[in-house]
PDB file of N, CA and C in Angstrom:
ATOM      1  N   MET A   1      89.969  96.973  82.205  1.00  0.00           N
ATOM      2  CA  MET A   1      89.622  97.362  84.320  1.00  0.00           C
ATOM      3  C   MET A   1      91.228  97.760  84.001  1.00  0.00           C
ATOM      4  N   PRO A   2      91.069  98.998  84.578  1.00  0.00           N
ATOM      5  CA  PRO A   2      92.282  99.116  84.968  1.00  0.00           C
ATOM      6  C   PRO A   2      93.540  97.997  85.824  1.00  0.00           C
ATOM      7  N   ALA A   3      94.954  98.701  85.662  1.00  0.00           N
ATOM      8  CA  ALA A   3      95.673  97.322  86.238  1.00  0.00           C
ATOM      9  C   ALA A   3      95.603  96.975  87.757  1.00  0.00           C
ATOM     10  N   GLN A   4      95.874  96.187  88.429  1.00  0.00           N
ATOM     11  CA  GLN A   4      95.992  96.417  89.924  1.00  0.00           C
ATOM     12  C   GLN A   4      94.721  97.584  91.027  1.00  0.00           C
ATOM     13  N   LEU A   5      94.171  97.365  90.299  1.00  0.00           N
ATOM     14  CA  LEU A   5      93.004  97.534  91.046  1.00  0.00           C
ATOM     15  C   LEU A   5      92.413  96.776  91.744  1.00  0.00           C
ATOM     16  N   SER A   6      92.111  96.678  93.169  1.00  0.00           N
ATOM     17  CA  SER A   6      91.733  95.306  93.868  1.00  0.00           C
ATOM     18  C   SER A   6      91.127  95.805  95.360  1.00  0.00           C
ATOM     19  N   LEU A   7      89.971  95.985  95.814  1.00  0.00           N
ATOM     20  CA  LEU A   7      89.204  96.063  96.638  1.00  0.00           C
ATOM     21  C   LEU A   7      89.457  94.866  97.305  1.00  0.00           C
ATOM     22  N   ASN A   8      89.270  95.105  98.837  1.00  0.00           N
ATOM     23  CA  ASN A   8      89.203  93.886  99.960  1.00  0.00           C
ATOM     24  C   ASN A   8      87.344  93.984 100.395  1.00  0.00           C
ATOM     25  N   SER A   9      86.907  94.899 100.690  1.00  0.00           N
ATOM     26  CA  SER A   9      86.190  94.878 100.994  1.00  0.00           C
ATOM     27  C   SER A   9      85.164  95.870 100.125  1.00  0.00           C
ATOM     28  N   LEU A  10      83.422  95.951 100.690  1.00  0.00           N
ATOM     29  CA  LEU A  10      82.665  96.523  99.766  1.00  0.00           C
ATOM     30  C   LEU A  10      81.471  97.154 100.400  1.00  0.00           C
ATOM     31  N   GLU A  11      80.910  97.621 100.588  1.00  0.00           N
ATOM     32  CA  GLU A  11      79.606  97.913 101.544  1.00  0.00           C
ATOM     33  C   GLU A  11      78.690  99.120 101.167  1.00  0.00           C
ATOM     34  N   TYR A  12      77.802  99.236 100.506  1.00  0.00           N
ATOM     35  CA  TYR A  12      76.990 100.252 100.366  1.00  0.00           C
ATOM     36  C   TYR A  12      75.984 100.997 101.570  1.00  0.00           C
ATOM     37  N   GLN A  13      75.921 101.481 102.302  1.00  0.00           N
ATOM     38  CA  GLN A  13      75.386 101.738 103.282  1.00  0.00           C
ATOM     39  C   GLN A  13      74.076 102.904 102.173  1.00  0.00           C
ATOM     40  N   ALA A  14      72.925 102.525 102.410  1.00  0.00           N
ATOM     41  CA  ALA A  14      71.522 103.012 101.928  1.00  0.00           C
ATOM     42  C   ALA A  14      71.475 104.221 102.713  1.00  0.00           C
ATOM     43  N   GLU A  15      71.121 104.140 103.664  1.00  0.00           N
ATOM     44  CA  GLU A  15      70.443 105.218 104.583  1.00  0.00           C
ATOM     45  C   GLU A  15      71.657 106.539 104.611  1.00  0.00           C
ATOM     46  N   GLN A  16      72.599 106.040 104.909  1.00  0.00           N
ATOM     47  CA  GLN A  16      73.611 107.559 104.266  1.00  0.00           C
ATOM     48  C   GLN A  16      74.168 107.811 103.254  1.00  0.00           C
ATOM     49  N   GLN A  17      73.629 107.008 101.933  1.00  0.00           N
ATOM     50  CA  GLN A  17      74.210 107.214 100.773  1.00  0.00           C
ATOM     51  C   GLN A  17      75.894 106.971 100.989  1.00  0.00           C
ATOM     52  N   VAL A  18      76.260 105.876 101.263  1.00  0.00           N
ATOM     53  CA  VAL A  18      78.136 105.774 101.664  1.00  0.00           C
ATOM     54  C   VAL A  18      78.353 104.632 100.807  1.00  0.00           C
ATOM     55  N   ILE A  19      79.198 104.163 100.264  1.00  0.00           N
ATOM     56  CA  ILE A  19      79.728 103.013  99.309  1.00  0.00           C
ATOM     57  C   ILE A  19      81.083 103.117 100.483  1.00  0.00           C
ATOM     58  N   ALA A  20      81.917 102.271 101.447  1.00  0.00           N
ATOM     59  CA  ALA A  20      82.385 101.860 102.016  1.00  0.00           C
ATOM     60  C   ALA A  20      83.227 101.024 101.615  1.00  0.00           C
ATOM     61  N   PHE A  21      84.809 101.262 101.635  1.00  0.00           N
ATOM     62  CA  PHE A  21      85.531  99.402 100.925  1.00  0.00           C
ATOM     63  C   PHE A  21      86.835 100.386 101.792  1.00  0.00           C
ATOM     64  N   THR A  22      87.617  98.931 101.458  1.00  0.00           N
ATOM     65  CA  THR A  22      89.083  98.702 101.578  1.00  0.00           C
ATOM     66  C   THR A  22      89.603  98.513 100.678  1.00  0.00           C
ATOM     67  N   ALA A  23      91.156  98.695 100.820  1.00  0.00           N
ATOM     68  CA  ALA A  23      92.310  98.041  99.871  1.00  0.00           C
ATOM     69  C   ALA A  23      92.963  98.215 100.619  1.00  0.00           C
ATOM     70  N   ALA A  24      94.415  97.445  99.644  1.00  0.00           N
ATOM     71  CA  ALA A  24      95.972  97.460  99.952  1.00  0.00           C
ATOM     72  C   ALA A  24      96.271  98.555  99.731  1.00  0.00           C
ATOM     73  N   VAL A  25      96.154  99.763 100.307  1.00  0.00           N
ATOM     74  CA  VAL A  25      96.721 101.087 100.164  1.00  0.00           C
ATOM     75  C   VAL A  25      96.741 101.497 101.309  1.00  0.00           C
ATOM     76  N   ASP A  26      97.944 102.872 101.262  1.00  0.00           N
ATOM     77  CA  ASP A  26      97.815 103.619 102.456  1.00  0.00           C
ATOM     78  C   ASP A  26      98.294 104.799 101.901  1.00  0.00           C
ATOM     79  N   TYR A  27      98.303 105.878 103.053  1.00  0.00           N
ATOM     80  CA  TYR A  27      98.400 107.143 102.282  1.00  0.00           C
ATOM     81  C   TYR A  27      99.224 107.762 101.461  1.00  0.00           C
ATOM     82  N   ASP A  28     100.423 106.805 101.506  1.00  0.00           N
ATOM     83  CA  ASP A  28     101.514 107.600 100.123  1.00  0.00           C
ATOM     84  C   ASP A  28     100.847 106.807  98.927  1.00  0.00           C
ATOM     85  N   SER A  29     100.126 105.813  99.083  1.00  0.00           N
ATOM     86  CA  SER A  29      99.906 105.218  97.626  1.00  0.00           C
ATOM     87  C   SER A  29      98.316 105.248  97.115  1.00  0.00           C
ATOM     88  N   PHE A  30      97.791 106.506  98.016  1.00  0.00           N
ATOM     89  CA  PHE A  30      96.685 106.501  97.747  1.00  0.00           C
ATOM     90  C   PHE A  30      96.217 106.900  96.691  1.00  0.00           C
ATOM     91  N   SER A  31      96.519 108.095  96.247  1.00  0.00           N
ATOM     92  CA  SER A  31      97.128 108.457  95.103  1.00  0.00           C
ATOM     93  C   SER A  31      96.502 108.251  93.933  1.00  0.00           C
ATOM     94  N   SER A  32      97.740 107.361  93.888  1.00  0.00           N
ATOM     95  CA  SER A  32      97.391 106.402  92.263  1.00  0.00           C
ATOM     96  C   SER A  32      96.537 105.237  92.316  1.00  0.00           C
ATOM     97  N   PHE A  33      96.175 104.758  93.549  1.00  0.00           N
ATOM     98  CA  PHE A  33      94.707 103.802  93.884  1.00  0.00           C
ATOM     99  C   PHE A  33      93.854 104.455  93.113  1.00  0.00           C
ATOM    100  N   ALA A  34      93.332 105.787  93.909  1.00  0.00           N
ATOM    101  CA  ALA A  34      92.240 106.888  93.446  1.00  0.00           C
ATOM    102  C   ALA A  34      92.148 107.195  92.145  1.00  0.00           C
ATOM    103  N   GLU A  35      93.635 107.095  91.310  1.00  0.00           N
ATOM    104  CA  GLU A  35      93.328 107.587  90.172  1.00  0.00           C
ATOM    105  C   GLU A  35      93.160 105.973  88.721  1.00  0.00           C
ATOM    106  N   ARG A  36      93.532 105.352  89.589  1.00  0.00           N
ATOM    107  CA  ARG A  36      92.993 104.007  88.558  1.00  0.00           C
ATOM    108  C   ARG A  36      91.446 103.324  89.283  1.00  0.00           C
ATOM    109  N   LEU A  37      90.789 103.855  90.041  1.00  0.00           N
ATOM    110  CA  LEU A  37      89.817 103.914  90.836  1.00  0.00           C
ATOM    111  C   LEU A  37      88.578 104.931  90.030  1.00  0.00           C
ATOM    112  N   CYS A  38      89.083 106.777  89.614  1.00  0.00           N
ATOM    113  CA  CYS A  38      88.650 106.785  89.001  1.00  0.00           C
ATOM    114  C   CYS A  38      88.528 106.726  87.369  1.00  0.00           C
ATOM    115  N   GLN A  39      89.499 106.587  86.719  1.00  0.00           N
ATOM    116  CA  GLN A  39      89.762 105.587  85.314  1.00  0.00           C
ATOM    117  C   GLN A  39      88.584 104.567  85.631  1.00  0.00           C
ATOM    118  N   ALA A  40      88.231 103.770  86.539  1.00  0.00           N
ATOM    119  CA  ALA A  40      86.846 102.295  86.563  1.00  0.00           C
ATOM    120  C   ALA A  40      86.029 103.211  86.497  1.00  0.00           C
ATOM    121  N   LEU A  41      85.867 104.102  86.780  1.00  0.00           N
ATOM    122  CA  LEU A  41      84.164 104.186  87.372  1.00  0.00           C
ATOM    123  C   LEU A  41      83.640 105.462  86.506  1.00  0.00           C
ATOM    124  N   ASP A  42      84.922 105.903  85.679  1.00  0.00           N
ATOM    125  CA  ASP A  42      84.716 107.140  84.773  1.00  0.00           C
ATOM    126  C   ASP A  42      84.500 108.390  85.227  1.00  0.00           C
ATOM    127  N   CYS A  43      85.213 109.025  85.925  1.00  0.00           N
ATOM    128  CA  CYS A  43      84.761 109.961  87.052  1.00  0.00           C
ATOM    129  C   CYS A  43      85.969 110.935  86.916  1.00  0.00           C
ATOM    130  N   ARG A  44      85.636 111.842  87.307  1.00  0.00           N
ATOM    131  CA  ARG A  44      86.906 113.362  86.326  1.00  0.00           C
ATOM    132  C   ARG A  44      86.972 113.669  87.987  1.00  0.00           C
ATOM    133  N   VAL A  45      88.285 113.744  87.800  1.00  0.00           N
ATOM    134  CA  VAL A  45      88.673 114.746  88.940  1.00  0.00           C
ATOM    135  C   VAL A  45      88.462 116.083  89.146  1.00  0.00           C
ATOM    136  N   ILE A  46      88.110 116.333  89.773  1.00  0.00           N
ATOM    137  CA  ILE A  46      87.767 118.293  90.181  1.00  0.00           C
ATOM    138  C   ILE A  46      88.878 118.994  91.442  1.00  0.00           C
ATOM    139  N   GLU A  47      88.884 118.268  92.163  1.00  0.00           N
ATOM    140  CA  GLU A  47      89.728 118.786  93.617  1.00  0.00           C
ATOM    141  C   GLU A  47      90.350 117.878  94.139  1.00  0.00           C
ATOM    142  N   LYS A  48      91.326 117.865  94.775  1.00  0.00           N
ATOM    143  CA  LYS A  48      91.975 116.971  95.628  1.00  0.00           C
ATOM    144  C   LYS A  48      93.070 117.902  96.881  1.00  0.00           C
ATOM    145  N   GLN A  49      92.377 117.174  98.291  1.00  0.00           N
ATOM    146  CA  GLN A  49      92.737 117.263  99.281  1.00  0.00           C
ATOM    147  C   GLN A  49      93.115 116.622  99.971  1.00  0.00           C
ATOM    148  N   TRP A  50      94.295 117.286 100.840  1.00  0.00           N
ATOM    149  CA  TRP A  50      95.058 116.209 101.611  1.00  0.00           C
ATOM    150  C   TRP A  50      95.536 116.580 102.830  1.00  0.00           C
ATOM    151  N   GLY A  51      95.410 116.001 104.187  1.00  0.00           N
ATOM    152  CA  GLY A  51      96.398 116.229 105.128  1.00  0.00           C
ATOM    153  C   GLY A  51      96.961 115.534 105.415  1.00  0.00           C
ATOM    154  N   ALA A  52      97.587 115.143 107.161  1.00  0.00           N
ATOM    155  CA  ALA A  52      98.108 114.719 108.225  1.00  0.00           C
ATOM    156  C   ALA A  52      97.976 113.224 108.119  1.00  0.00           C
ATOM    157  N   ASP A  53      96.969 112.706 107.892  1.00  0.00           N
ATOM    158  CA  ASP A  53      96.234 111.833 107.981  1.00  0.00           C
ATOM    159  C   ASP A  53      94.818 110.639 106.945  1.00  0.00           C
ATOM    160  N   ARG A  54      94.552 112.088 105.757  1.00  0.00           N
ATOM    161  CA  ARG A  54      93.965 112.217 104.957  1.00  0.00           C
ATOM    162  C   ARG A  54      93.486 112.266 103.914  1.00  0.00           C
ATOM    163  N   HIS A  55      93.065 111.814 102.830  1.00  0.00           N
ATOM    164  CA  HIS A  55      92.683 112.373 101.300  1.00  0.00           C
ATOM    165  C   HIS A  55      91.378 112.895 101.338  1.00  0.00           C
ATOM    166  N   GLN A  56      90.883 113.552 100.697  1.00  0.00           N
ATOM    167  CA  GLN A  56      89.506 113.944 100.301  1.00  0.00           C
ATOM    168  C   GLN A  56      89.639 114.639  98.721  1.00  0.00           C
ATOM    169  N   TRP A  57      88.506 113.669  97.329  1.00  0.00           N
ATOM    170  CA  TRP A  57      88.557 114.114  96.343  1.00  0.00           C
ATOM    171  C   TRP A  57      87.656 114.498  95.901  1.00  0.00           C
ATOM    172  N   LEU A  58      87.211 115.902  94.967  1.00  0.00           N
ATOM    173  CA  LEU A  58      85.834 116.375  94.633  1.00  0.00           C
ATOM    174  C   LEU A  58      86.019 115.385  93.215  1.00  0.00           C
ATOM    175  N   LEU A  59      84.682 115.201  93.269  1.00  0.00           N
ATOM    176  CA  LEU A  59      84.800 113.884  91.428  1.00  0.00           C
ATOM    177  C   LEU A  59      83.584 114.484  90.702  1.00  0.00           C
ATOM    178  N   ASP A  60      83.029 114.129  89.913  1.00  0.00           N
ATOM    179  CA  ASP A  60      82.435 114.492  89.255  1.00  0.00           C
ATOM    180  C   ASP A  60      82.116 113.256  87.916  1.00  0.00           C
ATOM    181  N   PHE A  61      80.766 112.914  88.173  1.00  0.00           N
ATOM    182  CA  PHE A  61      80.338 111.376  87.247  1.00  0.00           C
ATOM    183  C   PHE A  61      78.883 112.203  86.849  1.00  0.00           C
ATOM    184  N   GLU A  62      78.531 112.151  85.431  1.00  0.00           N
ATOM    185  CA  GLU A  62      77.813 112.520  84.302  1.00  0.00           C
ATOM    186  C   GLU A  62      77.307 113.783  85.652  1.00  0.00           C
ATOM    187  N   ASP A  63      77.720 114.594  85.584  1.00  0.00           N
ATOM    188  CA  ASP A  63      76.918 115.518  87.228  1.00  0.00           C
ATOM    189  C   ASP A  63      76.376 115.695  88.014  1.00  0.00           C
ATOM    190  N   THR A  64      76.718 114.433  88.684  1.00  0.00           N
ATOM    191  CA  THR A  64      76.506 114.105  89.849  1.00  0.00           C
ATOM    192  C   THR A  64      78.092 114.304  90.227  1.00  0.00           C
ATOM    193  N   TYR A  65      78.018 115.281  91.720  1.00  0.00           N
ATOM    194  CA  TYR A  65      79.236 115.417  92.599  1.00  0.00           C
ATOM    195  C   TYR A  65      79.405 113.961  93.761  1.00  0.00           C
ATOM    196  N   LEU A  66      80.711 113.805  93.623  1.00  0.00           N
ATOM    197  CA  LEU A  66      80.760 113.289  94.529  1.00  0.00           C
ATOM    198  C   LEU A  66      82.250 113.573  95.324  1.00  0.00           C
ATOM    199  N   GLU A  67      82.379 112.760  96.869  1.00  0.00           N
ATOM    200  CA  GLU A  67      83.457 112.932  97.712  1.00  0.00           C
ATOM    201  C   GLU A  67      84.093 111.538  97.362  1.00  0.00           C
ATOM    202  N   LEU A  68      85.229 111.234  97.245  1.00  0.00           N
ATOM    203  CA  LEU A  68      86.050 110.572  97.841  1.00  0.00           C
ATOM    204  C   LEU A  68      87.201 110.947  98.555  1.00  0.00           C
ATOM    205  N   HIS A  69      86.725 109.907  99.734  1.00  0.00           N
ATOM    206  CA  HIS A  69      87.600 110.032 100.804  1.00  0.00           C
ATOM    207  C   HIS A  69      88.448 108.945 101.498  1.00  0.00           C
ATOM    208  N   TYR A  70      89.603 109.288 101.701  1.00  0.00           N
ATOM    209  CA  TYR A  70      90.354 107.971 103.040  1.00  0.00           C
ATOM    210  C   TYR A  70      91.065 108.779 103.893  1.00  0.00           C
ATOM    211  N   GLU A  71      91.323 107.389 104.649  1.00  0.00           N
ATOM    212  CA  GLU A  71      91.878 107.817 106.283  1.00  0.00           C
ATOM    213  C   GLU A  71      92.662 106.727 106.242  1.00  0.00           C
ATOM    214  N   ASP A  72      93.617 107.165 106.847  1.00  0.00           N
ATOM    215  CA  ASP A  72      94.668 106.288 106.750  1.00  0.00           C
ATOM    216  C   ASP A  72      95.017 105.760 108.405  1.00  0.00           C
ATOM    217  N   TYR A  73      94.065 105.967 109.426  1.00  0.00           N
ATOM    218  CA  TYR A  73      94.167 105.814 110.388  1.00  0.00           C
ATOM    219  C   TYR A  73      93.517 104.248 110.810  1.00  0.00           C
ATOM    220  N   GLY A  74      92.330 104.526 109.936  1.00  0.00           N
ATOM    221  CA  GLY A  74      91.733 102.917 110.116  1.00  0.00           C
ATOM    222  C   GLY A  74      91.742 102.474 108.636  1.00  0.00           C
ATOM    223  N   GLN A  75      92.773 103.342 107.897  1.00  0.00           N
ATOM    224  CA  GLN A  75      92.945 102.294 106.348  1.00  0.00           C
ATOM    225  C   GLN A  75      91.365 102.292 105.672  1.00  0.00           C
ATOM    226  N   VAL A  76      90.608 103.092 106.179  1.00  0.00           N
ATOM    227  CA  VAL A  76      89.385 102.900 105.006  1.00  0.00           C
ATOM    228  C   VAL A  76      89.353 103.873 104.078  1.00  0.00           C
ATOM    229  N   SER A  77      87.940 103.916 103.158  1.00  0.00           N
ATOM    230  CA  SER A  77      88.233 104.672 102.126  1.00  0.00           C
ATOM    231  C   SER A  77      86.565 104.450 102.174  1.00  0.00           C
ATOM    232  N   TRP A  78      85.550 105.570 101.533  1.00  0.00           N
ATOM    233  CA  TRP A  78      84.471 106.011 101.049  1.00  0.00           C
ATOM    234  C   TRP A  78      84.319 106.806 100.155  1.00  0.00           C
ATOM    235  N   LEU A  79      83.098 106.484  99.502  1.00  0.00           N
ATOM    236  CA  LEU A  79      82.667 107.238  98.140  1.00  0.00           C
ATOM    237  C   LEU A  79      81.040 108.238  98.735  1.00  0.00           C
ATOM    238  N   THR A  80      80.720 109.306  98.621  1.00  0.00           N
ATOM    239  CA  THR A  80      79.501 109.847  98.953  1.00  0.00           C
ATOM    240  C   THR A  80      79.049 110.623  97.975  1.00  0.00           C
ATOM    241  N   ALA A  81      78.398 110.967  97.456  1.00  0.00           N
ATOM    242  CA  ALA A  81      77.566 112.246  96.730  1.00  0.00           C
ATOM    243  C   ALA A  81      77.500 113.357  97.765  1.00  0.00           C
ATOM    244  N   LYS A  82      77.813 114.274  97.273  1.00  0.00           N
ATOM    245  CA  LYS A  82      78.433 115.679  97.579  1.00  0.00           C
ATOM    246  C   LYS A  82      76.194 116.182  98.449  1.00  0.00           C
ATOM    247  N   SER A  83      75.098 115.600  97.436  1.00  0.00           N
ATOM    248  CA  SER A  83      74.007 116.074  98.383  1.00  0.00           C
ATOM    249  C   SER A  83      73.297 114.836  97.936  1.00  0.00           C
ATOM    250  N   HIS A  84      72.655 114.761  98.978  1.00  0.00           N
ATOM    251  CA  HIS A  84      71.734 113.541  99.170  1.00  0.00           C
ATOM    252  C   HIS A  84      70.186 113.911  98.663  1.00  0.00           C
ATOM    253  N   HIS A  85      70.167 113.131  97.540  1.00  0.00           N
ATOM    254  CA  HIS A  85      68.904 113.012  96.754  1.00  0.00           C
ATOM    255  C   HIS A  85      68.454 111.776  96.219  1.00  0.00           C
ATOM    256  N   PRO A  86      67.520 111.581  95.272  1.00  0.00           N
ATOM    257  CA  PRO A  86      67.276 109.805  94.921  1.00  0.00           C
ATOM    258  C   PRO A  86      68.041 109.753  93.793  1.00  0.00           C
ATOM    259  N   GLN A  87      68.421 111.443  93.012  1.00  0.00           N
ATOM    260  CA  GLN A  87      69.095 110.675  91.821  1.00  0.00           C
ATOM    261  C   GLN A  87      70.724 109.832  92.238  1.00  0.00           C
ATOM    262  N   SER A  88      70.917 110.673  93.338  1.00  0.00           N
ATOM    263  CA  SER A  88      72.279 110.584  93.887  1.00  0.00           C
ATOM    264  C   SER A  88      72.955 109.018  94.365  1.00  0.00           C
ATOM    265  N   ALA A  89      71.444 108.586  95.144  1.00  0.00           N
ATOM    266  CA  ALA A  89      71.392 107.360  95.277  1.00  0.00           C
ATOM    267  C   ALA A  89      71.426 106.532  94.063  1.00  0.00           C
ATOM    268  N   GLU A  90      70.450 106.673  92.947  1.00  0.00           N
ATOM    269  CA  GLU A  90      70.706 105.890  91.923  1.00  0.00           C
ATOM    270  C   GLU A  90      72.400 105.805  91.475  1.00  0.00           C
ATOM    271  N   VAL A  91      72.862 107.005  91.628  1.00  0.00           N
ATOM    272  CA  VAL A  91      74.189 107.079  90.728  1.00  0.00           C
ATOM    273  C   VAL A  91      75.232 106.055  92.151  1.00  0.00           C
ATOM    274  N   LEU A  92      75.210 106.467  93.236  1.00  0.00           N
ATOM    275  CA  LEU A  92      76.128 105.449  94.301  1.00  0.00           C
ATOM    276  C   LEU A  92      75.714 103.974  93.656  1.00  0.00           C
ATOM    277  N   VAL A  93      74.176 103.677  93.737  1.00  0.00           N
ATOM    278  CA  VAL A  93      74.154 102.411  93.414  1.00  0.00           C
ATOM    279  C   VAL A  93      74.832 101.698  92.319  1.00  0.00           C
ATOM    280  N   PHE A  94      74.490 102.421  91.184  1.00  0.00           N
ATOM    281  CA  PHE A  94      75.480 101.803  89.875  1.00  0.00           C
ATOM    282  C   PHE A  94      76.555 101.837  90.037  1.00  0.00           C
ATOM    283  N   LEU A  95      77.697 103.222  90.792  1.00  0.00           N
ATOM    284  CA  LEU A  95      79.016 102.544  91.235  1.00  0.00           C
ATOM    285  C   LEU A  95      78.867 101.737  91.738  1.00  0.00           C
ATOM    286  N   LEU A  96      78.389 100.945  92.456  1.00  0.00           N
ATOM    287  CA  LEU A  96      78.612 100.220  92.972  1.00  0.00           C
ATOM    288  C   LEU A  96      78.834  98.732  92.177  1.00  0.00           C
ATOM    289  N   GLY A  97      77.872  98.938  91.302  1.00  0.00           N
ATOM    290  CA  GLY A  97      77.646  97.797  90.513  1.00  0.00           C
ATOM    291  C   GLY A  97      79.313  97.583  89.754  1.00  0.00           C
ATOM    292  N   LEU A  98      79.874  98.802  89.545  1.00  0.00           N
ATOM    293  CA  LEU A  98      81.365  99.247  88.515  1.00  0.00           C
ATOM    294  C   LEU A  98      82.342  98.707  89.228  1.00  0.00           C
ATOM    295  N   MET A  99      82.039  98.936  90.317  1.00  0.00           N
ATOM    296  CA  MET A  99      83.190  98.220  91.540  1.00  0.00           C
ATOM    297  C   MET A  99      83.365  97.281  92.050  1.00  0.00           C
ATOM    298  N   ARG A 100      82.163  96.380  91.967  1.00  0.00           N
ATOM    299  CA  ARG A 100      81.818  95.133  92.228  1.00  0.00           C
ATOM    300  C   ARG A 100      82.990  93.707  91.796  1.00  0.00           C
ATOM    301  N   PRO A 101      83.223  93.989  90.398  1.00  0.00           N
ATOM    302  CA  PRO A 101      84.307  93.340  89.870  1.00  0.00           C
ATOM    303  C   PRO A 101      85.419  92.678  90.041  1.00  0.00           C
ATOM    304  N   TYR A 102      85.852  94.455  91.168  1.00  0.00           N
ATOM    305  CA  TYR A 102      87.309  94.652  91.522  1.00  0.00           C
ATOM    306  C   TYR A 102      87.801  93.646  93.153  1.00  0.00           C
ATOM    307  N   LEU A 103      86.153  93.131  93.613  1.00  0.00           N
ATOM    308  CA  LEU A 103      86.371  93.055  94.690  1.00  0.00           C
ATOM    309  C   LEU A 103      86.675  91.762  94.849  1.00  0.00           C
ATOM    310  N   GLN A 104      88.098  91.236  95.798  1.00  0.00           N
ATOM    311  CA  GLN A 104      88.529  90.135  95.758  1.00  0.00           C
ATOM    312  C   GLN A 104      87.714  89.247  96.668  1.00  0.00           C
ATOM    313  N   ALA A 105      87.605  87.872  96.193  1.00  0.00           N
ATOM    314  CA  ALA A 105      87.246  86.748  96.547  1.00  0.00           C
ATOM    315  C   ALA A 105      87.709  86.673  97.990  1.00  0.00           C
ATOM    316  N   LYS A 106      87.363  86.526  99.281  1.00  0.00           N
ATOM    317  CA  LYS A 106      88.123  85.625 100.507  1.00  0.00           C
ATOM    318  C   LYS A 106      88.154  84.371 100.010  1.00  0.00           C
ATOM    319  N   ARG A 107      89.571  84.001 100.644  1.00  0.00           N
ATOM    320  CA  ARG A 107      90.161  82.512 100.094  1.00  0.00           C
ATOM    321  C   ARG A 107      89.873  82.150 101.816  1.00  0.00           C
ATOM    322  N   SER A 108      89.093  80.890 101.703  1.00  0.00           N
ATOM    323  CA  SER A 108      89.288  80.076 102.853  1.00  0.00           C
ATOM    324  C   SER A 108      90.708  79.103 103.519  1.00  0.00           C
ATOM    325  N   LEU A 109      91.260  79.218 104.512  1.00  0.00           N
ATOM    326  CA  LEU A 109      92.578  78.700 104.859  1.00  0.00           C
ATOM    327  C   LEU A 109      91.938  77.356 105.050  1.00  0.00           C
ATOM    328  N   SER A 110      91.218  76.814 104.863  1.00  0.00           N
ATOM    329  CA  SER A 110      91.439  75.610 105.558  1.00  0.00           C
ATOM    330  C   SER A 110      91.679  74.555 103.922  1.00  0.00           C
TER     331      SER A 110
END
């Protein structure tokens, strides 16, 4: 497991073919976090784009192109397939399984 990779929430939205997640990152630390995430998912980074409050990376996972997004305003990230078809949905479900071990259990305050 890559060091210091931790997710606060993780959700698969099947109809939209999106994995939405949050982590303790901000705009400036996203690149480092995303590199660790790509390593954990065995994805190859093809392209990186960023703007005033967003990051968008193009990834390759076993010939399936994925988009990794981060929006600073909502501090939310999401991973989606570049094209929506049954094979890309299967890839996303597989990647969701790889991400689950990094999900931190919520602790009760009681």
